[in-house]
């Protein structure tokens, strides 16, 4: 026997919950993109300064800090995407099919850019 379709209040509540998950993932994407971009910028600025001027050797190199920021941003983005997929699958299990997540696609694209930045930084190390 099939379950009756949910009433309007339940459908709207499920949609609000799904959209809340999308907004949460978008907030993670913004945060991680900022970390990746700022880490890459720190790396490039100090790489340029190291070739153009004599800099005092710091305790922790700015290049290491930039690399760490890129890694943290990339790892956080992957973990946020995994959590988002888990939450959407839980909703699907209870309430049926959900619309395609554009936020998930954007997360994958930003993760790809982060991976390119990470490869670029590590190969020039």
N, C-alpha and C. Protein backbone atom coordinates (compact mmCIF):
# COMPACT_ATOMS: atom_id res chain seq x y z
N UNK A 1 0.84 -1.17 0.00
CA UNK A 1 0.00 0.00 0.00
C UNK A 1 0.88 1.24 0.00
N UNK A 2 0.56 2.18 -0.84
CA UNK A 2 1.36 3.40 -0.92
C UNK A 2 0.89 4.41 0.11
N UNK A 3 1.83 5.20 0.56
CA UNK A 3 1.49 6.25 1.53
C UNK A 3 0.76 7.36 0.80
N UNK A 4 -0.20 7.98 1.47
CA UNK A 4 -0.86 9.12 0.84
C UNK A 4 0.13 10.28 0.70
N UNK A 5 -0.05 11.12 -0.31
CA UNK A 5 0.87 12.26 -0.45
C UNK A 5 0.76 13.18 0.76
N UNK A 6 1.88 13.78 1.14
CA UNK A 6 1.83 14.66 2.31
C UNK A 6 0.95 15.88 2.05
N UNK A 7 0.39 16.39 3.13
CA UNK A 7 -0.45 17.58 2.98
C UNK A 7 0.41 18.80 2.66
N UNK A 8 -0.24 19.91 2.38
CA UNK A 8 0.46 21.13 1.95
C UNK A 8 1.45 21.63 3.01
N UNK A 9 1.05 21.56 4.27
CA UNK A 9 1.94 22.04 5.34
C UNK A 9 3.22 21.21 5.40
N UNK A 10 3.09 19.90 5.26
CA UNK A 10 4.27 19.03 5.30
C UNK A 10 5.16 19.27 4.09
N UNK A 11 4.56 19.41 2.90
CA UNK A 11 5.35 19.68 1.69
C UNK A 11 6.13 20.97 1.82
N UNK A 12 5.47 22.01 2.34
CA UNK A 12 6.16 23.30 2.51
C UNK A 12 7.26 23.20 3.57
N UNK A 13 7.01 22.44 4.63
CA UNK A 13 8.04 22.28 5.66
C UNK A 13 9.25 21.54 5.10
N UNK A 14 9.01 20.51 4.28
CA UNK A 14 10.12 19.78 3.67
C UNK A 14 10.89 20.69 2.72
N UNK A 15 10.17 21.50 1.96
CA UNK A 15 10.85 22.41 1.04
C UNK A 15 11.67 23.45 1.80
N UNK A 16 11.14 23.96 2.90
CA UNK A 16 11.90 24.92 3.72
C UNK A 16 13.15 24.26 4.29
N UNK A 17 13.03 23.01 4.72
CA UNK A 17 14.18 22.29 5.25
C UNK A 17 15.23 22.08 4.17
N UNK A 18 14.79 21.67 2.97
CA UNK A 18 15.73 21.47 1.87
C UNK A 18 16.44 22.77 1.51
N UNK A 19 15.68 23.85 1.46
CA UNK A 19 16.29 25.15 1.14
C UNK A 19 17.24 25.62 2.25
N UNK A 20 16.94 25.26 3.48
CA UNK A 20 17.86 25.59 4.58
C UNK A 20 19.18 24.84 4.40
N UNK A 21 19.10 23.58 3.96
CA UNK A 21 20.32 22.82 3.69
C UNK A 21 21.10 23.46 2.53
N UNK A 22 20.39 23.93 1.51
CA UNK A 22 21.06 24.59 0.38
C UNK A 22 21.75 25.88 0.85
N UNK A 23 21.08 26.66 1.66
CA UNK A 23 21.68 27.91 2.17
C UNK A 23 22.91 27.62 3.03
N UNK A 24 22.84 26.56 3.82
CA UNK A 24 23.98 26.19 4.65
C UNK A 24 25.17 25.81 3.78
N UNK A 25 24.92 25.01 2.74
CA UNK A 25 26.01 24.65 1.84
C UNK A 25 26.57 25.88 1.14
N UNK A 26 25.71 26.80 0.73
CA UNK A 26 26.19 28.02 0.07
C UNK A 26 27.04 28.86 1.03
N UNK A 27 26.68 28.89 2.30
CA UNK A 27 27.51 29.61 3.28
C UNK A 27 28.88 28.95 3.41
N UNK A 28 28.91 27.62 3.42
CA UNK A 28 30.18 26.92 3.46
C UNK A 28 30.99 27.19 2.20
N UNK A 29 30.32 27.23 1.05
CA UNK A 29 31.03 27.51 -0.20
C UNK A 29 31.67 28.89 -0.14
N UNK A 30 30.95 29.89 0.34
CA UNK A 30 31.52 31.24 0.45
C UNK A 30 32.73 31.26 1.38
N UNK A 31 32.60 30.61 2.52
CA UNK A 31 33.69 30.58 3.48
C UNK A 31 34.91 29.87 2.91
N UNK A 32 34.68 28.72 2.29
CA UNK A 32 35.80 27.94 1.74
C UNK A 32 36.44 28.63 0.54
N UNK A 33 35.63 29.25 -0.30
CA UNK A 33 36.19 29.99 -1.44
C UNK A 33 37.06 31.14 -0.93
N UNK A 34 36.62 31.80 0.13
CA UNK A 34 37.43 32.87 0.71
C UNK A 34 38.75 32.34 1.26
N UNK A 35 38.70 31.22 1.96
CA UNK A 35 39.93 30.63 2.49
C UNK A 35 40.89 30.25 1.36
N UNK A 36 40.36 29.61 0.33
CA UNK A 36 41.20 29.19 -0.79
C UNK A 36 41.81 30.40 -1.49
N UNK A 37 40.97 31.40 -1.78
CA UNK A 37 41.46 32.59 -2.48
C UNK A 37 42.46 33.37 -1.64
N UNK A 38 42.18 33.54 -0.37
CA UNK A 38 43.08 34.29 0.50
C UNK A 38 44.39 33.54 0.68
N UNK A 39 44.33 32.21 0.83
CA UNK A 39 45.56 31.41 0.94
C UNK A 39 46.41 31.51 -0.30
N UNK A 40 45.77 31.44 -1.48
CA UNK A 40 46.50 31.56 -2.73
C UNK A 40 47.12 32.95 -2.87
N UNK A 41 46.37 33.98 -2.46
CA UNK A 41 46.88 35.35 -2.53
C UNK A 41 48.08 35.54 -1.62
N UNK A 42 47.99 35.04 -0.39
CA UNK A 42 49.12 35.14 0.53
C UNK A 42 50.35 34.47 -0.08
N UNK A 43 50.16 33.28 -0.63
CA UNK A 43 51.27 32.56 -1.22
C UNK A 43 51.89 33.36 -2.36
N UNK A 44 51.07 33.90 -3.26
CA UNK A 44 51.59 34.62 -4.43
C UNK A 44 52.27 35.93 -4.04
N UNK A 45 51.71 36.67 -3.11
CA UNK A 45 52.30 37.95 -2.69
C UNK A 45 53.68 37.71 -2.08
N UNK A 46 53.77 36.76 -1.17
CA UNK A 46 55.06 36.53 -0.51
C UNK A 46 56.05 35.85 -1.44
N UNK A 47 55.58 35.11 -2.41
CA UNK A 47 56.48 34.54 -3.42
C UNK A 47 57.08 35.67 -4.27
N UNK A 48 56.23 36.64 -4.62
CA UNK A 48 56.72 37.80 -5.38
C UNK A 48 57.70 38.62 -4.55
N UNK A 49 57.36 38.87 -3.28
CA UNK A 49 58.24 39.66 -2.42
C UNK A 49 59.56 38.95 -2.17
N UNK A 50 59.54 37.64 -2.12
CA UNK A 50 60.78 36.89 -1.88
C UNK A 50 61.73 37.03 -3.06
N UNK A 51 61.20 37.18 -4.26
CA UNK A 51 62.08 37.32 -5.43
C UNK A 51 62.51 38.77 -5.64
N UNK A 52 61.71 39.72 -5.17
CA UNK A 52 62.04 41.12 -5.43
C UNK A 52 62.78 41.80 -4.28
N UNK A 53 62.65 41.30 -3.08
CA UNK A 53 63.29 41.91 -1.92
C UNK A 53 63.86 40.83 -1.02
N UNK A 54 64.76 41.25 -0.19
CA UNK A 54 65.30 40.32 0.81
C UNK A 54 64.39 40.38 2.03
N UNK A 55 63.70 39.27 2.33
CA UNK A 55 62.82 39.22 3.48
C UNK A 55 63.48 38.44 4.61
N UNK A 56 63.21 38.87 5.79
CA UNK A 56 63.71 38.17 6.97
C UNK A 56 63.00 36.81 7.04
N UNK A 57 63.73 35.75 7.36
CA UNK A 57 63.15 34.41 7.43
C UNK A 57 62.24 34.30 8.65
N UNK A 58 60.93 34.17 8.44
CA UNK A 58 60.01 34.07 9.58
C UNK A 58 60.03 32.67 10.19
N UNK A 59 59.46 32.56 11.39
CA UNK A 59 59.37 31.27 12.07
C UNK A 59 58.53 30.28 11.24
N UNK A 60 57.36 30.76 10.77
CA UNK A 60 56.51 29.96 9.88
C UNK A 60 56.39 30.74 8.58
N UNK A 61 56.76 30.12 7.51
CA UNK A 61 56.78 30.80 6.22
C UNK A 61 55.36 31.17 5.77
N UNK A 62 55.18 32.35 5.17
CA UNK A 62 53.87 32.72 4.65
C UNK A 62 53.39 31.75 3.57
N UNK A 63 54.31 31.13 2.87
CA UNK A 63 53.92 30.14 1.88
C UNK A 63 53.25 28.94 2.54
N UNK A 64 53.75 28.54 3.69
CA UNK A 64 53.15 27.43 4.43
C UNK A 64 51.76 27.83 4.93
N UNK A 65 51.63 29.07 5.39
CA UNK A 65 50.33 29.56 5.85
C UNK A 65 49.34 29.57 4.68
N UNK A 66 49.77 30.05 3.52
CA UNK A 66 48.91 30.06 2.35
C UNK A 66 48.49 28.67 1.94
N UNK A 67 49.43 27.74 1.93
CA UNK A 67 49.14 26.35 1.60
C UNK A 67 48.16 25.74 2.60
N UNK A 68 48.37 26.03 3.87
CA UNK A 68 47.47 25.51 4.91
C UNK A 68 46.05 26.06 4.73
N UNK A 69 45.94 27.34 4.39
CA UNK A 69 44.61 27.92 4.19
C UNK A 69 43.90 27.27 3.00
N UNK A 70 44.64 27.02 1.93
CA UNK A 70 44.04 26.36 0.77
C UNK A 70 43.58 24.95 1.16
N UNK A 71 44.41 24.22 1.87
CA UNK A 71 44.05 22.87 2.29
C UNK A 71 42.83 22.87 3.22
N UNK A 72 42.81 23.77 4.18
CA UNK A 72 41.68 23.85 5.10
C UNK A 72 40.40 24.18 4.34
N UNK A 73 40.47 25.13 3.41
CA UNK A 73 39.30 25.49 2.62
C UNK A 73 38.80 24.33 1.78
N UNK A 74 39.72 23.61 1.17
CA UNK A 74 39.35 22.47 0.33
C UNK A 74 38.76 21.33 1.15
N UNK A 75 39.37 21.01 2.26
CA UNK A 75 38.86 19.93 3.12
C UNK A 75 37.50 20.31 3.70
N UNK A 76 37.35 21.54 4.16
CA UNK A 76 36.06 21.97 4.71
C UNK A 76 34.96 21.93 3.65
N UNK A 77 35.29 22.29 2.42
CA UNK A 77 34.30 22.26 1.35
C UNK A 77 33.86 20.83 1.04
N UNK A 78 34.79 19.92 1.00
CA UNK A 78 34.44 18.51 0.75
C UNK A 78 33.58 17.97 1.90
N UNK A 79 33.95 18.27 3.13
CA UNK A 79 33.15 17.81 4.27
C UNK A 79 31.76 18.42 4.28
N UNK A 80 31.65 19.70 3.92
CA UNK A 80 30.34 20.35 3.86
C UNK A 80 29.47 19.72 2.77
N UNK A 81 30.08 19.38 1.64
CA UNK A 81 29.33 18.76 0.56
C UNK A 81 28.85 17.36 0.97
N UNK A 82 29.70 16.61 1.66
CA UNK A 82 29.31 15.28 2.14
C UNK A 82 28.14 15.39 3.12
N UNK A 83 28.21 16.35 4.03
CA UNK A 83 27.12 16.55 4.99
C UNK A 83 25.84 16.94 4.27
N UNK A 84 25.94 17.80 3.27
CA UNK A 84 24.77 18.23 2.50
C UNK A 84 24.13 17.03 1.81
N UNK A 85 24.95 16.19 1.15
CA UNK A 85 24.42 15.00 0.47
C UNK A 85 23.73 14.06 1.45
N UNK A 86 24.32 13.89 2.64
CA UNK A 86 23.72 13.02 3.65
C UNK A 86 22.37 13.55 4.10
N UNK A 87 22.28 14.86 4.31
CA UNK A 87 21.02 15.46 4.76
C UNK A 87 19.95 15.38 3.67
N UNK A 88 20.32 15.62 2.43
CA UNK A 88 19.35 15.55 1.33
C UNK A 88 18.88 14.11 1.14
N UNK A 89 19.78 13.15 1.26
CA UNK A 89 19.38 11.73 1.15
C UNK A 89 18.42 11.33 2.26
N UNK A 90 18.63 11.88 3.46
CA UNK A 90 17.71 11.60 4.56
C UNK A 90 16.32 12.15 4.25
N UNK A 91 16.27 13.35 3.69
CA UNK A 91 14.97 13.91 3.28
C UNK A 91 14.33 13.07 2.18
N UNK A 92 15.14 12.62 1.22
CA UNK A 92 14.61 11.80 0.13
C UNK A 92 14.06 10.48 0.64
N UNK A 93 14.73 9.91 1.62
CA UNK A 93 14.27 8.64 2.17
C UNK A 93 12.89 8.79 2.82
N UNK A 94 12.64 9.93 3.43
CA UNK A 94 11.37 10.13 4.12
C UNK A 94 10.28 10.72 3.23
N UNK A 95 10.66 11.58 2.27
CA UNK A 95 9.65 12.34 1.53
C UNK A 95 9.75 12.22 0.02
N UNK A 96 10.59 11.37 -0.50
CA UNK A 96 10.67 11.18 -1.95
C UNK A 96 11.70 12.08 -2.60
N UNK A 97 11.65 12.09 -3.92
CA UNK A 97 12.66 12.80 -4.73
C UNK A 97 12.72 14.29 -4.40
N UNK A 98 13.94 14.81 -4.44
CA UNK A 98 14.20 16.24 -4.23
C UNK A 98 14.74 16.83 -5.52
N UNK A 99 14.54 18.14 -5.73
CA UNK A 99 15.10 18.77 -6.91
C UNK A 99 16.63 18.73 -6.91
N UNK A 100 17.21 18.86 -8.10
CA UNK A 100 18.66 18.87 -8.26
C UNK A 100 19.26 20.04 -7.48
N UNK A 101 20.39 19.79 -6.82
CA UNK A 101 21.03 20.82 -6.00
C UNK A 101 22.09 21.56 -6.82
N UNK A 102 21.78 22.79 -7.17
CA UNK A 102 22.75 23.63 -7.87
C UNK A 102 23.89 23.99 -6.93
N UNK A 103 23.60 24.11 -5.65
CA UNK A 103 24.65 24.41 -4.67
C UNK A 103 25.69 23.29 -4.65
N UNK A 104 25.26 22.05 -4.80
CA UNK A 104 26.20 20.93 -4.86
C UNK A 104 27.11 21.03 -6.07
N UNK A 105 26.54 21.44 -7.20
CA UNK A 105 27.34 21.62 -8.42
C UNK A 105 28.36 22.74 -8.24
N UNK A 106 27.94 23.83 -7.65
CA UNK A 106 28.85 24.96 -7.39
C UNK A 106 29.96 24.52 -6.43
N UNK A 107 29.61 23.72 -5.42
CA UNK A 107 30.62 23.22 -4.48
C UNK A 107 31.66 22.39 -5.23
N UNK A 108 31.22 21.57 -6.17
CA UNK A 108 32.16 20.75 -6.94
C UNK A 108 33.07 21.64 -7.80
N UNK A 109 32.52 22.68 -8.40
CA UNK A 109 33.33 23.58 -9.22
C UNK A 109 34.36 24.33 -8.38
N UNK A 110 33.94 24.82 -7.23
CA UNK A 110 34.87 25.54 -6.34
C UNK A 110 35.93 24.58 -5.82
N UNK A 111 35.54 23.35 -5.51
CA UNK A 111 36.52 22.35 -5.07
C UNK A 111 37.54 22.08 -6.18
N UNK A 112 37.08 22.05 -7.43
CA UNK A 112 37.99 21.88 -8.56
C UNK A 112 38.98 23.02 -8.66
N UNK A 113 38.49 24.24 -8.50
CA UNK A 113 39.39 25.41 -8.52
C UNK A 113 40.36 25.35 -7.34
N UNK A 114 39.88 24.92 -6.19
CA UNK A 114 40.76 24.79 -5.03
C UNK A 114 41.83 23.75 -5.26
N UNK A 115 41.47 22.65 -5.91
CA UNK A 115 42.46 21.62 -6.22
C UNK A 115 43.50 22.14 -7.20
N UNK A 116 43.06 22.93 -8.18
CA UNK A 116 44.02 23.53 -9.12
C UNK A 116 44.96 24.48 -8.39
N UNK A 117 44.41 25.29 -7.48
CA UNK A 117 45.27 26.20 -6.69
C UNK A 117 46.24 25.42 -5.84
N UNK A 118 45.78 24.34 -5.24
CA UNK A 118 46.66 23.51 -4.40
C UNK A 118 47.77 22.88 -5.23
N UNK A 119 47.44 22.37 -6.38
CA UNK A 119 48.45 21.78 -7.26
C UNK A 119 49.45 22.86 -7.71
N UNK A 120 48.93 24.04 -8.07
CA UNK A 120 49.81 25.12 -8.50
C UNK A 120 50.77 25.56 -7.40
N UNK A 121 50.27 25.62 -6.18
CA UNK A 121 51.12 26.03 -5.06
C UNK A 121 52.15 24.96 -4.73
N UNK A 122 51.74 23.70 -4.73
CA UNK A 122 52.69 22.65 -4.34
C UNK A 122 53.75 22.41 -5.43
N UNK A 123 53.41 22.59 -6.68
CA UNK A 123 54.40 22.37 -7.73
C UNK A 123 55.43 23.49 -7.79
N UNK A 124 55.08 24.66 -7.29
CA UNK A 124 56.03 25.79 -7.30
C UNK A 124 56.77 25.91 -5.98
N UNK A 125 56.54 25.01 -5.07
CA UNK A 125 57.13 25.08 -3.74
C UNK A 125 58.59 24.92 -3.82
